[in-house]
Amino acid sequence: MASRKSRPERRQEPLSRERIVAAAVELLDTVGEGGLTFRALAERLATGPGAIYWHVTGKNELLAAAIDAVIAPTLAGDDTGTTPQEAIRSLALGVFDAIDAHPWVGTTLAQLPRTPGKSPMLRVFERIGRQVQALRVPEAAQFTAASALLSYILGVAGQNAANTRAAQANADRANADQANTDRAAFLDAVATAWRELDPDEYRFTRDVAGQLREHDDRAEFVAGIDLILAGITVGRADGRTRP
């Protein structure tokens, strides 16, 4: 009788910092920042929490590394052959889309302790700053210009992601008929409510209600970037020390 050949054991991929961070991103995408624990991560990686601590010292470091991993692709492009304005728009949209795909990034950034020189967004700030310098913004105004752009990018992208997450949560709690209500229907309902506001107290809000109904989040985001860039350019042309 022929002996049965033993099946070779499946080799596991060695545990590494990169593998840990990738698993953390997957976990964050699934359960959010509140569900990221070293125990849950260890179960996903089929290892013990102690093995993870060998590569990552704590949750804050892990969250920062996860954000870096999500944002890194937006920094991979080459700005050669583009104007500073085009480079900033491209970078801004990359960050916007990354946070839209990973909504936890926005809330996590606000929760991380401010460690000098170790912000997950430092490389984004550096890339923006170099383009601000390429725009020949006066040195005294460069920090203000780069900071304004970064604050706008993170603020709007984070709020958009939060709105998307809230809408999804509401849909998950709703019944089947309510879950079919799409973004257009929601915006139509809000615009209708705006139009019914008191005309003396909310004149402007009533006037732009139609634009709310038809607006595109990404297009409005880029329009805001262009407004900031226009202000920076005008400040430079006037020789002012502030954009």
Protein backbone atom coordinates (compact mmCIF):
# COMPACT_ATOMS: atom_id res chain seq x y z
CA MET A 1 0.00 0.00 0.00
CA ALA A 2 1.45 3.35 -1.07
CA SER A 3 2.15 5.72 1.75
CA ARG A 4 0.14 8.89 1.82
CA LYS A 5 2.26 11.94 1.14
CA SER A 6 2.02 14.55 3.83
CA ARG A 7 0.79 17.94 2.71
CA PRO A 8 3.38 20.65 3.09
CA GLU A 9 2.53 23.23 5.72
CA ARG A 10 1.49 26.58 4.36
CA ARG A 11 4.23 29.11 4.93
CA GLN A 12 3.10 32.32 6.55
CA GLU A 13 4.41 35.68 5.46
CA PRO A 14 6.91 36.94 8.05
CA LEU A 15 5.57 39.61 10.36
CA SER A 16 6.91 43.03 9.44
CA ARG A 17 6.06 46.64 10.15
CA GLU A 18 4.67 47.01 6.62
CA ARG A 19 2.39 44.00 7.05
CA ILE A 20 1.20 45.26 10.44
CA VAL A 21 0.40 48.72 9.03
CA ALA A 22 -1.44 47.24 6.03
CA ALA A 23 -3.56 45.10 8.36
CA ALA A 24 -4.24 48.15 10.54
CA VAL A 25 -5.50 50.10 7.51
CA GLU A 26 -7.82 47.22 6.60
CA LEU A 27 -9.13 47.08 10.16
CA LEU A 28 -9.63 50.84 10.30
CA ASP A 29 -11.55 50.75 7.01
CA THR A 30 -13.80 48.03 8.42
CA VAL A 31 -14.48 49.10 12.00
CA GLY A 32 -13.05 52.61 12.31
CA GLU A 33 -10.50 54.00 14.73
CA GLY A 34 -12.53 52.86 17.75
CA GLY A 35 -12.20 49.23 16.72
CA LEU A 36 -8.45 49.27 16.22
CA THR A 37 -6.92 47.43 19.17
CA PHE A 38 -3.75 45.42 19.35
CA ARG A 39 -5.82 42.37 20.25
CA ALA A 40 -8.02 42.73 17.16
CA LEU A 41 -4.95 43.38 15.03
CA ALA A 42 -3.19 40.33 16.47
CA GLU A 43 -6.18 38.15 15.61
CA ARG A 44 -6.19 39.47 12.05
CA LEU A 45 -2.48 38.74 11.72
CA ALA A 46 -2.71 35.39 13.52
CA THR A 47 -0.04 36.40 15.99
CA GLY A 48 0.29 37.69 19.53
CA PRO A 49 0.15 41.33 20.62
CA GLY A 50 3.73 41.07 21.87
CA ALA A 51 4.98 40.39 18.35
CA ILE A 52 3.28 43.57 17.13
CA TYR A 53 4.86 45.65 19.90
CA TRP A 54 8.25 44.52 18.61
CA HIS A 55 7.57 46.58 15.46
CA VAL A 56 5.23 49.33 16.76
CA THR A 57 5.54 50.91 20.20
CA GLY A 58 1.89 51.90 20.65
CA LYS A 59 -1.44 52.81 19.09
CA ASN A 60 -0.53 56.42 18.31
CA GLU A 61 2.52 55.32 16.33
CA LEU A 62 0.39 52.73 14.54
CA LEU A 63 -2.28 55.29 13.63
CA ALA A 64 0.33 57.73 12.34
CA ALA A 65 1.90 54.97 10.23
CA ALA A 66 -1.52 53.98 8.87
CA ILE A 67 -2.21 57.58 7.84
CA ASP A 68 1.21 57.77 6.19
CA ALA A 69 0.43 54.59 4.24
CA VAL A 70 -2.89 56.01 3.00
CA ILE A 71 -1.46 59.41 2.05
CA ALA A 72 1.82 58.13 0.54
CA PRO A 73 0.36 57.41 -2.95
CA THR A 74 -0.68 61.07 -3.26
CA LEU A 75 2.98 62.06 -2.87
CA ALA A 76 4.32 59.60 -5.41
CA GLY A 77 3.67 61.79 -8.44
CA ASP A 78 6.27 63.91 -10.21
CA ASP A 79 5.60 67.64 -10.40
CA THR A 80 8.00 68.10 -13.31
CA GLY A 81 6.39 69.92 -16.20
CA THR A 82 3.47 71.28 -14.16
CA THR A 83 2.81 74.75 -12.82
CA PRO A 84 2.81 75.24 -9.04
CA GLN A 85 -0.95 75.76 -9.17
CA GLU A 86 -1.46 72.47 -11.04
CA ALA A 87 0.81 70.63 -8.63
CA ILE A 88 -1.09 71.95 -5.61
CA ARG A 89 -4.48 71.09 -7.15
CA SER A 90 -3.30 67.56 -7.94
CA LEU A 91 -1.91 67.04 -4.45
CA ALA A 92 -5.04 68.49 -2.83
CA LEU A 93 -7.35 66.24 -4.82
CA GLY A 94 -5.18 63.22 -3.99
CA VAL A 95 -5.51 63.93 -0.27
CA PHE A 96 -9.25 64.64 -0.67
CA ASP A 97 -9.81 61.31 -2.42
CA ALA A 98 -7.63 59.41 0.07
CA ILE A 99 -9.60 60.76 3.04
CA ASP A 100 -12.87 60.14 1.22
CA ALA A 101 -11.86 56.49 0.75
CA HIS A 102 -10.60 56.23 4.36
CA PRO A 103 -12.88 58.52 6.45
CA TRP A 104 -11.10 57.62 9.69
CA VAL A 105 -8.07 59.64 8.60
CA GLY A 106 -9.77 62.98 9.26
CA THR A 107 -10.93 62.17 12.79
CA THR A 108 -7.72 60.33 13.66
CA LEU A 109 -5.54 63.31 12.71
CA ALA A 110 -7.42 65.48 15.19
CA GLN A 111 -6.94 62.92 17.97
CA LEU A 112 -3.24 62.22 17.56
CA PRO A 113 -0.94 64.01 20.01
CA ARG A 114 1.13 66.76 18.46
CA THR A 115 4.64 65.33 18.53
CA PRO A 116 7.24 67.82 17.23
CA GLY A 117 8.50 66.88 13.79
CA LYS A 118 6.41 63.71 13.51
CA SER A 119 3.08 64.84 12.06
CA PRO A 120 1.71 62.33 9.49
CA MET A 121 0.95 65.30 7.23
CA LEU A 122 4.43 66.82 7.40
CA ARG A 123 5.34 65.51 3.95
CA VAL A 124 2.15 67.02 2.49
CA PHE A 125 3.03 70.34 4.13
CA GLU A 126 6.54 70.11 2.66
CA ARG A 127 5.21 69.45 -0.84
CA ILE A 128 2.77 72.36 -0.58
CA GLY A 129 5.48 74.63 0.77
CA ARG A 130 7.82 73.95 -2.12
CA GLN A 131 5.09 74.91 -4.57
CA VAL A 132 4.38 78.06 -2.57
CA GLN A 133 8.06 78.91 -2.93
CA ALA A 134 7.84 78.18 -6.65
CA LEU A 135 5.04 80.76 -6.81
CA ARG A 136 7.62 83.27 -5.51
CA VAL A 137 5.55 84.13 -2.47
CA PRO A 138 7.50 86.50 -0.19
CA GLU A 139 9.41 84.57 2.45
CA ALA A 140 7.52 86.23 5.30
CA ALA A 141 4.22 84.95 3.87
CA GLN A 142 5.23 81.41 2.87
CA PHE A 143 4.31 79.75 6.18
CA THR A 144 0.91 81.46 6.21
CA ALA A 145 0.17 80.47 2.60
CA ALA A 146 1.20 76.83 3.03
CA SER A 147 -0.65 76.55 6.35
CA ALA A 148 -3.83 78.03 4.89
CA LEU A 149 -3.76 75.54 2.03
CA LEU A 150 -3.10 72.56 4.30
CA SER A 151 -5.81 73.63 6.77
CA TYR A 152 -8.34 74.01 3.97
CA ILE A 153 -7.44 70.65 2.42
CA LEU A 154 -7.66 68.72 5.69
CA GLY A 155 -10.70 70.60 6.97
CA VAL A 156 -12.86 70.25 3.87
CA ALA A 157 -11.72 66.70 3.10
CA GLY A 158 -12.33 65.64 6.70
CA GLN A 159 -15.78 67.23 6.82
CA ASN A 160 -16.75 65.65 3.51
CA ALA A 161 -15.65 62.24 4.78
CA ALA A 162 -17.55 62.77 8.04
CA ASN A 163 -20.70 63.65 6.11
CA THR A 164 -20.30 60.54 3.97
CA ARG A 165 -19.80 58.37 7.04
CA ALA A 166 -22.87 59.85 8.77
CA ALA A 167 -25.00 59.33 5.67
CA GLN A 168 -23.84 55.73 5.42
CA ALA A 169 -24.61 55.13 9.09
CA ASN A 170 -28.10 56.53 8.64
CA ALA A 171 -28.63 54.33 5.60
CA ASP A 172 -27.47 51.28 7.54
CA ARG A 173 -30.01 52.02 10.27
CA ALA A 174 -32.83 52.76 7.82
CA ASN A 175 -35.22 50.30 6.25
CA ALA A 176 -34.80 49.12 2.66
CA ASP A 177 -36.94 51.88 1.15
CA GLN A 178 -35.18 54.67 3.04
CA ALA A 179 -31.76 53.26 2.19
CA ASN A 180 -32.49 53.86 -1.49
CA THR A 181 -32.50 57.62 -0.92
CA ASP A 182 -29.41 58.85 -2.74
CA ARG A 183 -27.27 61.93 -2.37
CA ALA A 184 -29.26 63.89 -4.95
CA ALA A 185 -32.49 63.31 -3.07
CA PHE A 186 -30.86 64.33 0.21
CA LEU A 187 -29.48 67.55 -1.28
CA ASP A 188 -32.86 68.28 -2.85
CA ALA A 189 -34.52 67.95 0.55
CA VAL A 190 -31.98 70.26 2.19
CA ALA A 191 -32.25 72.80 -0.63
CA THR A 192 -36.04 72.77 -0.34
CA ALA A 193 -35.76 73.38 3.41
CA TRP A 194 -33.37 76.29 2.78
CA ARG A 195 -35.80 77.87 0.34
CA GLU A 196 -38.47 77.84 3.04
CA LEU A 197 -36.36 79.76 5.55
CA ASP A 198 -37.27 83.25 6.65
CA PRO A 199 -36.29 85.60 3.75
CA ASP A 200 -35.17 88.40 6.06
CA GLU A 201 -33.00 86.28 8.36
CA TYR A 202 -31.60 83.90 5.73
CA ARG A 203 -31.56 85.88 2.49
CA PHE A 204 -28.19 84.56 1.29
CA THR A 205 -28.90 80.94 2.24
CA ARG A 206 -32.19 81.06 0.30
CA ASP A 207 -30.42 82.58 -2.72
CA VAL A 208 -27.83 79.76 -2.95
CA ALA A 209 -30.23 76.89 -2.24
CA GLY A 210 -30.32 75.95 -5.91
CA GLN A 211 -26.53 75.75 -6.05
CA LEU A 212 -26.52 73.40 -3.07
CA ARG A 213 -28.87 71.09 -4.92
CA GLU A 214 -26.61 70.87 -7.97
CA HIS A 215 -23.11 71.18 -6.51
CA ASP A 216 -20.35 68.58 -6.80
CA ASP A 217 -18.17 68.10 -3.69
CA ARG A 218 -14.88 67.60 -5.56
CA ALA A 219 -15.53 70.52 -7.92
CA GLU A 220 -16.35 72.83 -5.01
CA PHE A 221 -13.23 71.63 -3.20
CA VAL A 222 -11.00 72.51 -6.17
CA ALA A 223 -12.78 75.87 -6.55
CA GLY A 224 -11.83 76.66 -2.96
CA ILE A 225 -8.20 75.75 -3.66
CA ASP A 226 -8.26 78.09 -6.65
CA LEU A 227 -9.65 80.92 -4.49
CA ILE A 228 -6.79 80.52 -2.02
CA LEU A 229 -4.23 80.33 -4.83
CA ALA A 230 -5.70 83.47 -6.41
CA GLY A 231 -5.32 85.30 -3.12
CA ILE A 232 -1.74 84.09 -2.77
CA THR A 233 -0.94 85.24 -6.31
CA VAL A 234 -2.51 88.67 -5.80
CA GLY A 235 -0.60 89.12 -2.54
CA ARG A 236 2.65 88.26 -4.31
CA ALA A 237 1.94 90.65 -7.19
CA ASP A 238 1.15 93.50 -4.79
CA GLY A 239 4.38 92.90 -2.89
CA ARG A 240 2.54 92.39 0.39
CA THR A 241 4.13 90.40 3.18
CA ARG A 242 0.89 88.52 3.78
CA PRO A 243 -1.02 86.56 1.10
